[in-house]
C-alpha atoms as a PDB file:
ATOM      1  CA  MET A   1      91.330  86.308 106.499  1.00  0.00           C
ATOM      2  CA  HIS A   2      89.751  82.329 105.180  1.00  0.00           C
ATOM      3  CA  LYS A   3      92.273  81.314 102.906  1.00  0.00           C
ATOM      4  CA  SER A   4      89.568  81.049  99.421  1.00  0.00           C
ATOM      5  CA  VAL A   5      89.888  84.803  99.487  1.00  0.00           C
ATOM      6  CA  TYR A   6      93.556  85.241  98.496  1.00  0.00           C
ATOM      7  CA  ARG A   7      93.383  82.317  96.186  1.00  0.00           C
ATOM      8  CA  ARG A   8      90.539  83.994  94.435  1.00  0.00           C
ATOM      9  CA  PHE A   9      92.244  87.790  94.263  1.00  0.00           C
ATOM     10  CA  ALA A  10      95.664  85.530  92.486  1.00  0.00           C
ATOM     11  CA  SER A  11      93.178  83.630  90.145  1.00  0.00           C
ATOM     12  CA  GLY A  12      92.149  84.795  86.527  1.00  0.00           C
ATOM     13  CA  PRO A  13      90.051  86.619  85.849  1.00  0.00           C
ATOM     14  CA  VAL A  14      86.107  85.375  86.961  1.00  0.00           C
ATOM     15  CA  LEU A  15      82.806  85.449  86.267  1.00  0.00           C
ATOM     16  CA  LEU A  16      81.676  88.885  88.023  1.00  0.00           C
ATOM     17  CA  TYR A  17      77.224  89.175  88.002  1.00  0.00           C
ATOM     18  CA  ASP A  18      77.281  89.566  83.658  1.00  0.00           C
ATOM     19  CA  ARG A  19      81.097  90.155  82.921  1.00  0.00           C
ATOM     20  CA  MET A  20      84.226  88.846  83.433  1.00  0.00           C
ATOM     21  CA  GLY A  21      87.614  90.551  85.704  1.00  0.00           C
ATOM     22  CA  GLU A  22      89.563  90.563  88.289  1.00  0.00           C
ATOM     23  CA  TYR A  23      88.528  89.460  91.631  1.00  0.00           C
ATOM     24  CA  ARG A  24      89.230  93.670  92.791  1.00  0.00           C
ATOM     25  CA  PRO A  25      85.750  94.249  95.358  1.00  0.00           C
ATOM     26  CA  ASP A  26      86.014  98.018  96.475  1.00  0.00           C
ATOM     27  CA  ASN A  27      85.576  97.376 100.667  1.00  0.00           C
ATOM     28  CA  MET A  28      89.182  95.064 100.072  1.00  0.00           C
ATOM     29  CA  LYS A  29      90.493  98.587  98.695  1.00  0.00           C
ATOM     30  CA  ALA A  30      92.367  99.020 102.519  1.00  0.00           C
ATOM     31  CA  HIS A  31      92.628  95.510 103.677  1.00  0.00           C
ATOM     32  CA  VAL A  32      97.063  95.013 104.127  1.00  0.00           C
ATOM     33  CA  ASP A  33      96.609  91.866 102.483  1.00  0.00           C
ATOM     34  CA  PHE A  34      95.441  93.260  99.328  1.00  0.00           C
ATOM     35  CA  ARG A  35      95.917  96.773  98.700  1.00  0.00           C
ATOM     36  CA  HIS A  36      99.009  95.612  96.491  1.00  0.00           C
ATOM     37  CA  TYR A  37      96.222  94.463  93.635  1.00  0.00           C
ATOM     38  CA  PHE A  38      94.756  97.842  94.037  1.00  0.00           C
ATOM     39  CA  ASP A  39      97.995  99.502  94.284  1.00  0.00           C
ATOM     40  CA  GLN A  40     100.859  98.576  92.326  1.00  0.00           C
ATOM     41  CA  SER A  41     103.168 101.633  94.313  1.00  0.00           C
ATOM     42  CA  THR A  42     102.345  99.358  97.327  1.00  0.00           C
ATOM     43  CA  ALA A  43     104.432  96.760  98.937  1.00  0.00           C
ATOM     44  CA  GLN A  44     104.715  92.887  97.803  1.00  0.00           C
ATOM     45  CA  PRO A  45     101.478  89.838  99.254  1.00  0.00           C
ATOM     46  CA  PRO A  46     102.663  89.385 102.135  1.00  0.00           C
ATOM     47  CA  ASN A  47     104.098  86.467 103.255  1.00  0.00           C
ATOM     48  CA  TYR A  48     101.219  84.595 105.562  1.00  0.00           C
ATOM     49  CA  VAL A  49      97.809  83.644 104.794  1.00  0.00           C
ATOM     50  CA  ALA A  50      94.527  82.296 107.213  1.00  0.00           C
ATOM     51  CA  ASP A  51      95.472  78.845 108.721  1.00  0.00           C
ATOM     52  CA  ASP A  52      93.811  76.035 106.780  1.00  0.00           C
ATOM     53  CA  LEU A  53      91.297  75.652 109.642  1.00  0.00           C
ATOM     54  CA  GLU A  54      89.331  72.244 107.522  1.00  0.00           C
ATOM     55  CA  LEU A  55      92.375  70.333 107.081  1.00  0.00           C
ATOM     56  CA  LYS A  56      93.396  70.805 110.535  1.00  0.00           C
ATOM     57  CA  TRP A  57      89.562  69.233 111.403  1.00  0.00           C
ATOM     58  CA  GLN A  58      90.200  66.241 108.328  1.00  0.00           C
ATOM     59  CA  LYS A  59      93.011  65.487 110.417  1.00  0.00           C
ATOM     60  CA  ALA A  60      91.479  65.149 113.777  1.00  0.00           C
ATOM     61  CA  ASN A  61      88.416  63.302 112.411  1.00  0.00           C
ATOM     62  CA  HIS A  62      86.467  65.994 113.120  1.00  0.00           C
ATOM     63  CA  VAL A  63      84.759  66.959 109.976  1.00  0.00           C
ATOM     64  CA  GLY A  64      81.240  67.328 110.106  1.00  0.00           C
ATOM     65  CA  ARG A  65      81.531  68.215 114.214  1.00  0.00           C
ATOM     66  CA  LEU A  66      80.777  71.071 115.619  1.00  0.00           C
END
């Protein structure tokens, strides 16, 4: 899962087409890393998130090269 998805779940309300609300797509209910956002009785947030590939590319001077 991209790191931006973790940030979006953790942030406050976002624009959902025509209203403001929490970012909670139904298809993510079963994902182990996001289950606690839908069911408060489940475990706490994960300790690990996706690696920052963009930063690694930038440090290796590979931005824009594929």
